[in-house]
C-alpha atoms as a PDB file:
ATOM      1  CA  MET A   1      11.023 -17.441 -41.450  1.00  0.00           C
ATOM      2  CA  THR A   2      13.157 -14.379 -41.672  1.00  0.00           C
ATOM      3  CA  ASP A   3      12.341 -12.937 -38.293  1.00  0.00           C
ATOM      4  CA  GLY A   4      15.133 -11.462 -36.425  1.00  0.00           C
ATOM      5  CA  LYS A   5      15.843  -8.917 -39.162  1.00  0.00           C
ATOM      6  CA  HIS A   6      14.183  -5.531 -39.480  1.00  0.00           C
ATOM      7  CA  ILE A   7      11.337  -5.252 -42.031  1.00  0.00           C
ATOM      8  CA  THR A   8      12.692  -3.561 -45.099  1.00  0.00           C
ATOM      9  CA  TYR A   9      11.188  -0.741 -47.079  1.00  0.00           C
ATOM     10  CA  GLU A  10      10.395  -3.238 -49.873  1.00  0.00           C
ATOM     11  CA  ASP A  11       8.615  -5.448 -47.362  1.00  0.00           C
ATOM     12  CA  ARG A  12       6.536  -2.457 -46.148  1.00  0.00           C
ATOM     13  CA  LYS A  13       5.548  -1.689 -49.805  1.00  0.00           C
ATOM     14  CA  LEU A  14       4.351  -5.152 -50.185  1.00  0.00           C
ATOM     15  CA  ILE A  15       2.442  -4.945 -46.790  1.00  0.00           C
ATOM     16  CA  GLU A  16       0.712  -1.821 -48.134  1.00  0.00           C
ATOM     17  CA  LYS A  17      -0.109  -3.497 -51.402  1.00  0.00           C
ATOM     18  CA  TYR A  18      -1.515  -6.699 -49.829  1.00  0.00           C
ATOM     19  CA  LEU A  19      -3.634  -4.735 -47.317  1.00  0.00           C
ATOM     20  CA  LYS A  20      -5.217  -2.740 -50.176  1.00  0.00           C
ATOM     21  CA  GLU A  21      -5.939  -6.137 -51.817  1.00  0.00           C
ATOM     22  CA  GLY A  22      -7.785  -7.195 -48.703  1.00  0.00           C
ATOM     23  CA  LYS A  23      -5.415  -9.889 -47.642  1.00  0.00           C
ATOM     24  CA  SER A  24      -5.290 -10.891 -43.988  1.00  0.00           C
ATOM     25  CA  LYS A  25      -2.312 -10.582 -41.701  1.00  0.00           C
ATOM     26  CA  THR A  26      -1.913 -14.343 -41.618  1.00  0.00           C
ATOM     27  CA  GLU A  27      -1.836 -14.453 -45.555  1.00  0.00           C
ATOM     28  CA  ILE A  28       0.645 -11.558 -45.584  1.00  0.00           C
ATOM     29  CA  SER A  29       2.981 -13.211 -43.099  1.00  0.00           C
ATOM     30  CA  ARG A  30       3.039 -16.340 -45.254  1.00  0.00           C
ATOM     31  CA  LEU A  31       3.725 -14.278 -48.524  1.00  0.00           C
ATOM     32  CA  LEU A  32       6.672 -12.421 -46.776  1.00  0.00           C
ATOM     33  CA  ASN A  33       7.876 -15.407 -44.870  1.00  0.00           C
ATOM     34  CA  ARG A  34       7.444 -13.576 -41.541  1.00  0.00           C
ATOM     35  CA  SER A  35       5.642 -14.470 -38.400  1.00  0.00           C
ATOM     36  CA  ARG A  36       2.134 -13.277 -37.986  1.00  0.00           C
ATOM     37  CA  GLN A  37       3.170 -11.425 -34.798  1.00  0.00           C
ATOM     38  CA  SER A  38       5.775  -9.392 -36.631  1.00  0.00           C
ATOM     39  CA  ILE A  39       3.265  -8.258 -39.328  1.00  0.00           C
ATOM     40  CA  THR A  40       0.616  -7.385 -36.655  1.00  0.00           C
ATOM     41  CA  ARG A  41       3.133  -5.489 -34.675  1.00  0.00           C
ATOM     42  CA  GLU A  42       4.297  -3.595 -37.787  1.00  0.00           C
ATOM     43  CA  ILE A  43       0.813  -2.544 -38.861  1.00  0.00           C
ATOM     44  CA  SER A  44      -0.431  -1.687 -35.344  1.00  0.00           C
ATOM     45  CA  ARG A  45       2.665   0.518 -34.620  1.00  0.00           C
ATOM     46  CA  TYR A  46       2.782   2.433 -37.866  1.00  0.00           C
ATOM     47  CA  ALA A  47      -0.852   2.563 -39.160  1.00  0.00           C
ATOM     48  CA  GLN A  48      -2.249   6.155 -38.905  1.00  0.00           C
ATOM     49  CA  LYS A  49      -5.811   7.504 -38.686  1.00  0.00           C
ATOM     50  CA  ILE A  50      -6.979   9.139 -41.915  1.00  0.00           C
ATOM     51  CA  SER A  51      -9.865  11.622 -41.879  1.00  0.00           C
ATOM     52  CA  VAL A  52     -12.670  10.821 -44.258  1.00  0.00           C
ATOM     53  CA  GLU A  53     -16.088  12.368 -44.914  1.00  0.00           C
ATOM     54  CA  GLY A  54     -18.559  11.340 -42.310  1.00  0.00           C
ATOM     55  CA  GLY A  55     -16.203  11.592 -39.380  1.00  0.00           C
ATOM     56  CA  ASP A  56     -14.830   8.041 -39.336  1.00  0.00           C
ATOM     57  CA  GLN A  57     -11.100   7.688 -39.110  1.00  0.00           C
ATOM     58  CA  PRO A  58     -10.007   4.267 -40.226  1.00  0.00           C
ATOM     59  CA  MET A  59      -6.428   3.040 -39.636  1.00  0.00           C
ATOM     60  CA  ILE A  60      -4.392   3.223 -42.894  1.00  0.00           C
ATOM     61  CA  TYR A  61      -1.025   1.699 -43.366  1.00  0.00           C
ATOM     62  CA  LYS A  62       1.528   3.677 -45.623  1.00  0.00           C
ATOM     63  CA  ALA A  63       4.857   2.060 -46.328  1.00  0.00           C
ATOM     64  CA  GLU A  64       6.648   5.379 -46.734  1.00  0.00           C
ATOM     65  CA  LYS A  65       5.337   6.930 -43.523  1.00  0.00           C
ATOM     66  CA  SER A  66       6.085   3.734 -41.491  1.00  0.00           C
ATOM     67  CA  PHE A  67       9.657   3.551 -42.882  1.00  0.00           C
ATOM     68  CA  GLU A  68      10.278   7.225 -41.920  1.00  0.00           C
ATOM     69  CA  ARG A  69       8.989   6.629 -38.406  1.00  0.00           C
ATOM     70  CA  PHE A  70      10.964   3.447 -38.052  1.00  0.00           C
ATOM     71  CA  LYS A  71      14.223   5.257 -39.071  1.00  0.00           C
ATOM     72  CA  MET A  72      13.550   8.104 -36.623  1.00  0.00           C
ATOM     73  CA  GLU A  73      12.886   5.610 -33.751  1.00  0.00           C
ATOM     74  CA  HIS A  74      15.895   3.456 -34.706  1.00  0.00           C
ATOM     75  CA  THR A  75      18.155   6.459 -34.859  1.00  0.00           C
ATOM     76  CA  GLN A  76      16.882   7.640 -31.533  1.00  0.00           C
ATOM     77  CA  SER A  77      17.613   4.338 -29.842  1.00  0.00           C
ATOM     78  CA  LEU A  78      21.210   4.117 -31.172  1.00  0.00           C
ATOM     79  CA  ARG A  79      22.510   7.589 -31.046  1.00  0.00           C
ATOM     80  CA  PRO A  80      23.820   8.574 -27.586  1.00  0.00           C
ATOM     81  CA  ARG A  81      22.185  11.647 -25.912  1.00  0.00           C
ATOM     82  CA  VAL A  82      23.485  14.019 -23.228  1.00  0.00           C
ATOM     83  CA  MET A  83      20.997  14.239 -20.460  1.00  0.00           C
ATOM     84  CA  THR A  84      21.103  17.980 -19.721  1.00  0.00           C
ATOM     85  CA  ASP A  85      19.801  19.380 -16.374  1.00  0.00           C
ATOM     86  CA  GLU A  86      16.899  20.885 -18.321  1.00  0.00           C
ATOM     87  CA  ILE A  87      15.803  17.469 -19.811  1.00  0.00           C
ATOM     88  CA  ILE A  88      16.213  15.714 -16.324  1.00  0.00           C
ATOM     89  CA  ASP A  89      14.044  18.459 -14.818  1.00  0.00           C
ATOM     90  CA  ILE A  90      11.298  17.817 -17.419  1.00  0.00           C
ATOM     91  CA  ILE A  91      11.419  14.094 -16.745  1.00  0.00           C
ATOM     92  CA  GLU A  92      11.264  14.526 -13.014  1.00  0.00           C
ATOM     93  CA  LYS A  93       8.274  16.890 -13.208  1.00  0.00           C
ATOM     94  CA  MET A  94       6.325  14.664 -15.670  1.00  0.00           C
ATOM     95  CA  GLU A  95       7.060  11.579 -13.657  1.00  0.00           C
ATOM     96  CA  LYS A  96       5.648  13.177 -10.505  1.00  0.00           C
ATOM     97  CA  SER A  97       2.489  14.037 -12.623  1.00  0.00           C
ATOM     98  CA  ASP A  98       2.096  10.377 -13.362  1.00  0.00           C
ATOM     99  CA  HIS A  99       2.950  10.602 -16.989  1.00  0.00           C
ATOM    100  CA  ARG A 100       3.938   7.360 -18.709  1.00  0.00           C
ATOM    101  CA  PRO A 101       7.539   6.930 -20.050  1.00  0.00           C
ATOM    102  CA  LYS A 102       6.315   7.090 -23.735  1.00  0.00           C
ATOM    103  CA  GLU A 103       4.423  10.295 -22.972  1.00  0.00           C
ATOM    104  CA  ILE A 104       7.571  11.791 -21.497  1.00  0.00           C
ATOM    105  CA  TYR A 105       9.565  10.703 -24.614  1.00  0.00           C
ATOM    106  CA  LEU A 106       7.101  12.307 -27.030  1.00  0.00           C
ATOM    107  CA  THR A 107       7.084  15.536 -25.106  1.00  0.00           C
ATOM    108  CA  LEU A 108      10.909  15.590 -25.247  1.00  0.00           C
ATOM    109  CA  PHE A 109      10.973  14.789 -28.892  1.00  0.00           C
ATOM    110  CA  GLU A 110       8.516  17.671 -29.600  1.00  0.00           C
ATOM    111  CA  CYS A 111      10.817  20.048 -27.655  1.00  0.00           C
ATOM    112  CA  TYR A 112      14.213  18.780 -28.759  1.00  0.00           C
ATOM    113  CA  GLY A 113      13.636  16.738 -31.994  1.00  0.00           C
ATOM    114  CA  GLU A 114      16.522  14.498 -32.711  1.00  0.00           C
ATOM    115  CA  ASP A 115      18.418  15.808 -29.698  1.00  0.00           C
ATOM    116  CA  ALA A 116      15.856  14.249 -27.315  1.00  0.00           C
ATOM    117  CA  PRO A 117      16.774  11.063 -25.405  1.00  0.00           C
ATOM    118  CA  SER A 118      15.426   7.706 -26.693  1.00  0.00           C
ATOM    119  CA  VAL A 119      12.553   5.889 -24.964  1.00  0.00           C
ATOM    120  CA  ALA A 120      15.079   3.492 -23.482  1.00  0.00           C
ATOM    121  CA  THR A 121      17.022   6.288 -22.039  1.00  0.00           C
ATOM    122  CA  VAL A 122      13.980   7.773 -20.467  1.00  0.00           C
ATOM    123  CA  TYR A 123      13.150   4.405 -18.970  1.00  0.00           C
ATOM    124  CA  ARG A 124      16.661   4.099 -17.521  1.00  0.00           C
ATOM    125  CA  LYS A 125      16.606   7.688 -16.075  1.00  0.00           C
ATOM    126  CA  LEU A 126      13.216   6.999 -14.416  1.00  0.00           C
ATOM    127  CA  SER A 127      14.609   3.804 -12.864  1.00  0.00           C
ATOM    128  CA  GLN A 128      17.616   5.774 -11.563  1.00  0.00           C
ATOM    129  CA  LEU A 129      15.303   8.506 -10.122  1.00  0.00           C
ATOM    130  CA  LYS A 130      13.197   5.930  -8.316  1.00  0.00           C
ATOM    131  CA  THR A 131      16.256   4.242  -6.846  1.00  0.00           C
ATOM    132  CA  ILE A 132      17.691   7.604  -5.796  1.00  0.00           C
ATOM    133  CA  GLU A 133      14.286   8.616  -4.244  1.00  0.00           C
ATOM    134  CA  GLU A 134      13.912   5.388  -2.319  1.00  0.00           C
ATOM    135  CA  SER A 135      17.453   5.752  -0.869  1.00  0.00           C
ATOM    136  CA  MET A 136      16.747   9.366  -0.002  1.00  0.00           C
ATOM    137  CA  VAL A 137      13.576   8.450   1.845  1.00  0.00           C
ATOM    138  CA  LYS A 138      15.237   5.813   3.885  1.00  0.00           C
ATOM    139  CA  LYS A 139      17.996   8.263   4.877  1.00  0.00           C
ATOM    140  CA  LEU A 140      15.445  10.867   5.823  1.00  0.00           C
ATOM    141  CA  LEU A 141      13.519   8.347   8.030  1.00  0.00           C
ATOM    142  CA  LEU A 142      16.784   7.212   9.675  1.00  0.00           C
ATOM    143  CA  ALA A 143      17.890  10.816  10.310  1.00  0.00           C
ATOM    144  CA  GLY A 144      14.422  11.661  11.773  1.00  0.00           C
ATOM    145  CA  ASP A 145      14.568   8.655  14.075  1.00  0.00           C
ATOM    146  CA  ASN A 146      18.068   9.467  15.282  1.00  0.00           C
ATOM    147  CA  CYS A 147      17.187  13.085  15.964  1.00  0.00           C
ATOM    148  CA  PHE A 148      14.076  12.056  17.843  1.00  0.00           C
ATOM    149  CA  ALA A 149      16.046   9.510  19.995  1.00  0.00           C
ATOM    150  CA  VAL A 150      18.333  12.327  21.351  1.00  0.00           C
ATOM    151  CA  GLY A 151      15.564  14.856  21.796  1.00  0.00           C
ATOM    152  CA  ASN A 152      16.278  17.132  18.826  1.00  0.00           C
ATOM    153  CA  TYR A 153      12.631  17.329  17.891  1.00  0.00           C
ATOM    154  CA  ASN A 154      12.879  20.384  15.654  1.00  0.00           C
ATOM    155  CA  ARG A 155      15.370  18.593  13.378  1.00  0.00           C
ATOM    156  CA  ALA A 156      13.370  15.317  13.642  1.00  0.00           C
ATOM    157  CA  PHE A 157      10.216  17.159  12.519  1.00  0.00           C
ATOM    158  CA  THR A 158      12.026  18.656   9.534  1.00  0.00           C
ATOM    159  CA  LYS A 159      13.355  15.260   8.389  1.00  0.00           C
ATOM    160  CA  TYR A 160      10.057  13.545   8.825  1.00  0.00           C
ATOM    161  CA  LYS A 161       8.278  16.301   6.949  1.00  0.00           C
ATOM    162  CA  GLN A 162      10.741  16.006   3.990  1.00  0.00           C
ATOM    163  CA  GLY A 163      10.144  12.132   3.907  1.00  0.00           C
ATOM    164  CA  ALA A 164       6.363  12.710   4.135  1.00  0.00           C
ATOM    165  CA  GLU A 165       6.502  14.974   1.146  1.00  0.00           C
ATOM    166  CA  LEU A 166       8.045  12.117  -0.804  1.00  0.00           C
ATOM    167  CA  GLY A 167       5.209   9.876   0.299  1.00  0.00           C
ATOM    168  CA  GLU A 168       7.037   7.607   2.904  1.00  0.00           C
ATOM    169  CA  ALA A 169       4.285   6.142   5.142  1.00  0.00           C
ATOM    170  CA  ASP A 170       6.479   5.936   8.342  1.00  0.00           C
ATOM    171  CA  CYS A 171       7.594   9.469   7.925  1.00  0.00           C
ATOM    172  CA  ILE A 172       3.930  10.568   7.546  1.00  0.00           C
ATOM    173  CA  TYR A 173       2.911   8.633  10.594  1.00  0.00           C
ATOM    174  CA  ASN A 174       5.929  10.046  12.648  1.00  0.00           C
ATOM    175  CA  LEU A 175       4.957  13.529  11.431  1.00  0.00           C
ATOM    176  CA  GLY A 176       1.379  12.982  12.758  1.00  0.00           C
ATOM    177  CA  LEU A 177       2.696  11.756  16.115  1.00  0.00           C
ATOM    178  CA  MET A 178       4.729  15.025  16.410  1.00  0.00           C
ATOM    179  CA  TYR A 179       1.699  17.127  15.585  1.00  0.00           C
ATOM    180  CA  LEU A 180      -0.340  15.177  18.162  1.00  0.00           C
ATOM    181  CA  LEU A 181       2.234  15.630  20.969  1.00  0.00           C
ATOM    182  CA  GLY A 182       3.407  19.119  19.861  1.00  0.00           C
ATOM    183  CA  LEU A 183       7.032  18.046  19.542  1.00  0.00           C
ATOM    184  CA  GLY A 184       9.173  20.074  17.181  1.00  0.00           C
ATOM    185  CA  THR A 185       6.138  21.979  15.993  1.00  0.00           C
ATOM    186  CA  GLU A 186       2.932  23.570  17.322  1.00  0.00           C
ATOM    187  CA  GLN A 187       0.441  21.014  18.462  1.00  0.00           C
ATOM    188  CA  SER A 188      -2.355  20.304  16.042  1.00  0.00           C
ATOM    189  CA  LYS A 189      -4.767  17.524  16.501  1.00  0.00           C
ATOM    190  CA  SER A 190      -6.392  18.071  13.100  1.00  0.00           C
ATOM    191  CA  LYS A 191      -3.095  17.887  11.360  1.00  0.00           C
ATOM    192  CA  ALA A 192      -2.199  14.798  13.299  1.00  0.00           C
ATOM    193  CA  ILE A 193      -5.396  13.068  12.238  1.00  0.00           C
ATOM    194  CA  ARG A 194      -4.806  14.038   8.558  1.00  0.00           C
ATOM    195  CA  ALA A 195      -1.299  12.599   8.703  1.00  0.00           C
ATOM    196  CA  PHE A 196      -2.551   9.336  10.408  1.00  0.00           C
ATOM    197  CA  LYS A 197      -5.272   8.952   7.774  1.00  0.00           C
ATOM    198  CA  ALA A 198      -2.768   9.516   5.005  1.00  0.00           C
ATOM    199  CA  ALA A 199      -0.435   6.835   6.366  1.00  0.00           C
ATOM    200  CA  SER A 200      -3.348   4.449   7.113  1.00  0.00           C
ATOM    201  CA  LYS A 201      -4.309   4.626   3.410  1.00  0.00           C
ATOM    202  CA  GLN A 202      -0.814   3.244   2.689  1.00  0.00           C
ATOM    203  CA  ASP A 203      -1.712   0.432   5.128  1.00  0.00           C
ATOM    204  CA  ASN A 204       0.630   1.560   7.936  1.00  0.00           C
ATOM    205  CA  PRO A 205      -0.160  -0.559  10.934  1.00  0.00           C
ATOM    206  CA  LYS A 206       0.918   1.980  13.467  1.00  0.00           C
ATOM    207  CA  ALA A 207      -1.268   4.597  11.840  1.00  0.00           C
ATOM    208  CA  HIS A 208      -4.254   2.225  11.936  1.00  0.00           C
ATOM    209  CA  TRP A 209      -3.654   1.720  15.696  1.00  0.00           C
ATOM    210  CA  GLN A 210      -3.110   5.477  16.391  1.00  0.00           C
ATOM    211  CA  LEU A 211      -6.297   6.329  14.578  1.00  0.00           C
ATOM    212  CA  GLY A 212      -8.206   3.700  16.734  1.00  0.00           C
ATOM    213  CA  LEU A 213      -6.739   5.372  19.876  1.00  0.00           C
ATOM    214  CA  CYS A 214      -7.945   8.763  18.712  1.00  0.00           C
ATOM    215  CA  TYR A 215     -11.531   7.569  18.072  1.00  0.00           C
ATOM    216  CA  HIS A 216     -11.520   5.577  21.348  1.00  0.00           C
ATOM    217  CA  ASN A 217     -10.481   8.577  23.395  1.00  0.00           C
ATOM    218  CA  GLY A 218     -12.144  11.302  21.269  1.00  0.00           C
ATOM    219  CA  TYR A 219      -8.754  12.901  20.689  1.00  0.00           C
ATOM    220  CA  GLY A 220      -8.843  15.211  17.573  1.00  0.00           C
ATOM    221  CA  VAL A 221     -12.157  13.527  16.553  1.00  0.00           C
ATOM    222  CA  GLN A 222     -15.538  12.726  18.060  1.00  0.00           C
ATOM    223  CA  SER A 223     -15.292   9.645  20.232  1.00  0.00           C
ATOM    224  CA  ASP A 224     -16.778   6.674  18.121  1.00  0.00           C
ATOM    225  CA  TYR A 225     -16.264   3.075  19.333  1.00  0.00           C
ATOM    226  CA  LYS A 226     -17.251   1.723  15.912  1.00  0.00           C
ATOM    227  CA  GLN A 227     -14.634   3.679  14.106  1.00  0.00           C
ATOM    228  CA  ALA A 228     -12.047   2.842  16.815  1.00  0.00           C
ATOM    229  CA  PHE A 229     -12.965  -0.885  16.365  1.00  0.00           C
ATOM    230  CA  HIS A 230     -12.518  -0.605  12.590  1.00  0.00           C
ATOM    231  CA  TYR A 231      -8.967   0.802  12.905  1.00  0.00           C
ATOM    232  CA  PHE A 232      -7.980  -1.554  15.727  1.00  0.00           C
ATOM    233  CA  GLN A 233      -9.193  -4.467  13.578  1.00  0.00           C
ATOM    234  CA  MET A 234      -6.984  -3.186  10.607  1.00  0.00           C
ATOM    235  CA  ALA A 235      -3.993  -2.771  12.897  1.00  0.00           C
ATOM    236  CA  ALA A 236      -4.485  -6.196  14.516  1.00  0.00           C
ATOM    237  CA  GLU A 237      -4.823  -7.914  11.154  1.00  0.00           C
ATOM    238  CA  ALA A 238      -1.665  -6.165   9.916  1.00  0.00           C
ATOM    239  CA  GLY A 239       0.229  -7.713  12.923  1.00  0.00           C
ATOM    240  CA  ASN A 240       0.400  -4.624  15.214  1.00  0.00           C
ATOM    241  CA  GLU A 241       0.502  -6.053  18.796  1.00  0.00           C
ATOM    242  CA  ASN A 242      -1.041  -2.848  20.305  1.00  0.00           C
ATOM    243  CA  GLY A 243      -3.848  -3.155  17.786  1.00  0.00           C
ATOM    244  CA  GLN A 244      -4.367  -6.862  18.698  1.00  0.00           C
ATOM    245  CA  VAL A 245      -4.659  -5.945  22.432  1.00  0.00           C
ATOM    246  CA  TYR A 246      -7.164  -3.204  21.824  1.00  0.00           C
ATOM    247  CA  LEU A 247      -9.191  -5.379  19.460  1.00  0.00           C
ATOM    248  CA  ALA A 248      -9.209  -8.134  22.159  1.00  0.00           C
ATOM    249  CA  TYR A 249     -10.294  -5.602  24.707  1.00  0.00           C
ATOM    250  CA  TYR A 250     -13.155  -4.504  22.578  1.00  0.00           C
ATOM    251  CA  TYR A 251     -14.379  -8.039  22.121  1.00  0.00           C
ATOM    252  CA  GLU A 252     -13.945  -8.681  25.850  1.00  0.00           C
ATOM    253  CA  HIS A 253     -16.080  -5.768  26.923  1.00  0.00           C
ATOM    254  CA  GLY A 254     -18.372  -5.491  23.854  1.00  0.00           C
ATOM    255  CA  LEU A 255     -17.520  -1.912  23.216  1.00  0.00           C
ATOM    256  CA  ALA A 256     -18.549  -1.897  19.522  1.00  0.00           C
ATOM    257  CA  MET A 257     -21.706  -3.910  20.110  1.00  0.00           C
ATOM    258  CA  ILE A 258     -19.742  -7.121  19.593  1.00  0.00           C
ATOM    259  CA  HIS A 259     -19.091  -9.253  22.684  1.00  0.00           C
ATOM    260  CA  SER A 260     -17.098 -12.300  22.195  1.00  0.00           C
ATOM    261  CA  THR A 261     -14.869 -13.974  24.824  1.00  0.00           C
ATOM    262  CA  ARG A 262     -13.611 -16.421  22.211  1.00  0.00           C
ATOM    263  CA  ASP A 263     -12.406 -13.600  19.857  1.00  0.00           C
ATOM    264  CA  ALA A 264     -11.005 -11.713  22.800  1.00  0.00           C
ATOM    265  CA  ARG A 265      -8.883 -14.752  23.729  1.00  0.00           C
ATOM    266  CA  ILE A 266      -7.719 -15.286  20.097  1.00  0.00           C
ATOM    267  CA  TRP A 267      -6.335 -11.694  19.853  1.00  0.00           C
ATOM    268  CA  TYR A 268      -4.833 -11.753  23.273  1.00  0.00           C
ATOM    269  CA  ASN A 269      -3.003 -14.921  22.239  1.00  0.00           C
ATOM    270  CA  LYS A 270      -1.669 -13.259  19.127  1.00  0.00           C
ATOM    271  CA  ALA A 271      -0.449 -10.283  21.062  1.00  0.00           C
ATOM    272  CA  ALA A 272       1.033 -12.527  23.730  1.00  0.00           C
ATOM    273  CA  GLU A 273       3.018 -14.383  21.042  1.00  0.00           C
ATOM    274  CA  GLN A 274       4.609 -11.063  20.215  1.00  0.00           C
ATOM    275  CA  GLY A 275       5.667 -10.629  23.867  1.00  0.00           C
ATOM    276  CA  ASN A 276       2.984  -8.182  24.951  1.00  0.00           C
ATOM    277  CA  SER A 277       2.890  -8.230  28.722  1.00  0.00           C
ATOM    278  CA  TYR A 278      -0.697  -7.054  29.171  1.00  0.00           C
ATOM    279  CA  ALA A 279      -1.879  -9.944  26.919  1.00  0.00           C
ATOM    280  CA  LYS A 280       0.353 -12.381  28.774  1.00  0.00           C
ATOM    281  CA  ASN A 281      -1.038 -11.354  32.202  1.00  0.00           C
ATOM    282  CA  TRP A 282      -4.603 -11.511  30.912  1.00  0.00           C
ATOM    283  CA  LEU A 283      -4.161 -15.091  29.685  1.00  0.00           C
ATOM    284  CA  LEU A 284      -2.759 -15.958  33.223  1.00  0.00           C
ATOM    285  CA  ASP A 285      -5.701 -14.348  34.938  1.00  0.00           C
ATOM    286  CA  TYR A 286      -8.205 -16.052  32.685  1.00  0.00           C
ATOM    287  CA  PRO A 287      -6.905 -19.581  31.885  1.00  0.00           C
ATOM    288  CA  ILE A 288      -9.058 -22.043  30.009  1.00  0.00           C
ATOM    289  CA  ILE A 289     -10.545 -24.157  32.685  1.00  0.00           C
ATOM    290  CA  ASP A 290     -12.497 -27.366  31.987  1.00  0.00           C
ATOM    291  CA  PHE A 291     -15.515 -27.386  34.232  1.00  0.00           C
ATOM    292  CA  HIS A 292     -15.776 -31.179  33.717  1.00  0.00           C
ATOM    293  CA  SER A 293     -12.043 -31.966  34.398  1.00  0.00           C
ATOM    294  CA  SER A 294     -11.414 -35.054  36.399  1.00  0.00           C
ATOM    295  CA  LYS A 295      -8.159 -33.647  37.845  1.00  0.00           C
ATOM    296  CA  ARG A 296      -9.832 -31.384  40.397  1.00  0.00           C
ATOM    297  CA  PRO A 297     -13.103 -29.457  40.955  1.00  0.00           C
ATOM    298  CA  LEU A 298     -13.308 -25.745  40.119  1.00  0.00           C
ATOM    299  CA  LEU A 299     -12.377 -23.547  43.155  1.00  0.00           C
ATOM    300  CA  LYS A 300     -14.787 -20.768  44.271  1.00  0.00           C
ATOM    301  CA  GLU A 301     -12.235 -18.120  43.484  1.00  0.00           C
ATOM    302  CA  GLU A 302     -11.890 -19.424  39.975  1.00  0.00           C
ATOM    303  CA  TRP A 303     -15.652 -19.626  39.558  1.00  0.00           C
ATOM    304  CA  LEU A 304     -16.025 -16.000  40.783  1.00  0.00           C
ATOM    305  CA  LYS A 305     -13.354 -14.834  38.238  1.00  0.00           C
ATOM    306  CA  LEU A 306     -15.147 -16.669  35.384  1.00  0.00           C
ATOM    307  CA  PHE A 307     -18.540 -15.378  36.369  1.00  0.00           C
ATOM    308  CA  LYS A 308     -17.347 -11.788  36.377  1.00  0.00           C
ATOM    309  CA  PHE A 309     -15.545 -12.295  33.058  1.00  0.00           C
ATOM    310  CA  ASN A 310     -18.596 -13.786  31.362  1.00  0.00           C
ATOM    311  CA  LYS A 311     -21.377 -11.710  33.006  1.00  0.00           C
ATOM    312  CA  HIS A 312     -19.498  -8.411  33.513  1.00  0.00           C
ATOM    313  CA  ARG A 313     -20.888  -8.110  37.022  1.00  0.00           C
ATOM    314  CA  GLU A 314     -20.504  -9.519  40.529  1.00  0.00           C
ATOM    315  CA  PRO A 315     -22.617 -12.645  41.359  1.00  0.00           C
ATOM    316  CA  SER A 316     -25.421 -12.208  43.907  1.00  0.00           C
ATOM    317  CA  GLU A 317     -25.318 -14.222  47.147  1.00  0.00           C
ATOM    318  CA  ALA A 318     -28.239 -16.436  45.816  1.00  0.00           C
ATOM    319  CA  GLU A 319     -26.290 -17.211  42.590  1.00  0.00           C
ATOM    320  CA  ILE A 320     -23.211 -18.146  44.579  1.00  0.00           C
ATOM    321  CA  GLU A 321     -25.197 -20.422  46.853  1.00  0.00           C
ATOM    322  CA  ALA A 322     -26.937 -22.027  43.862  1.00  0.00           C
ATOM    323  CA  ALA A 323     -23.642 -22.594  42.203  1.00  0.00           C
ATOM    324  CA  ARG A 324     -22.210 -24.158  45.416  1.00  0.00           C
ATOM    325  CA  LEU A 325     -25.212 -26.439  45.872  1.00  0.00           C
ATOM    326  CA  GLY A 326     -25.105 -27.394  42.205  1.00  0.00           C
ATOM    327  CA  GLY A 327     -21.524 -28.626  42.574  1.00  0.00           C
ATOM    328  CA  GLU A 328     -20.135 -25.829  40.085  1.00  0.00           C
ATOM    329  CA  PHE A 329     -17.195 -25.180  42.491  1.00  0.00           C
ATOM    330  CA  ALA A 330     -15.721 -26.594  45.632  1.00  0.00           C
ATOM    331  CA  GLU A 331     -14.785 -24.723  48.801  1.00  0.00           C
ATOM    332  CA  LEU A 332     -11.089 -24.794  49.543  1.00  0.00           C
ATOM    333  CA  VAL A 333     -10.578 -27.113  52.435  1.00  0.00           C
ATOM    334  CA  GLU A 334      -7.619 -26.231  54.802  1.00  0.00           C
END
């Protein structure tokens, strides 16, 4: 095997000859003492479509053309290039329009010929731009948070907006919050909802929770418990403790047509594990009590609490008396 060295012009002439003779890539690789992968890569990279009558465009390999393209690309990769401001501007604009690195390179080559940067240089520049952008976004978010903390809402709004324009989810969420509250800008519920939805699409837990609140309260949108439940569930599953509490509350009271004391307890537990005081108090108020515990009988006060929790109403006098006679609770004896 002679892999590791570039395929020569003589090799390319032989590849062209063997292909015309109908030899397979495997046969050609054996004849040239090259790996089949090298031969396949060579043919796929440099074969060109040739127009023929009938409209078909078969891929034809030409040794001379492939060698010319190889020299051009090799020269491009070796010769250093000066990245002018004009070239950097083109790269930035094309990258924002979701063009691939090779597409950017070909555009630059059409404009600048041999003075265009190589594909490798384009890749490096794109990597640098991404790193710079990520660093800039973090600085904008931090600056916005600092301004917000000291009450400089106009400045905070400006920083969050700049970060939002770069697609940073937390900046987009914070921008929505400022629109919602009218801090640093004119209050706009519609703009707030748009911002929350944009951040939610990036799976921002706080945005999920905030949208749930808006649908729960009918703030900026029509009140819709099913939509609220949907966003609270997304927030809860993403680990947002407020979303977990609201999801538990919905299960507890059946607000979205789903009543489940078991699921309510599960989500209150998760929120309590994160230190949520409301969830902790709920778990203290509604402890798991074993009706058949041998330690002590259920007290009337505990029975009443569990009845209201499960039935969502006060028990009638008849129900209380029936429970007492049935031994479901014991009166506290002083």
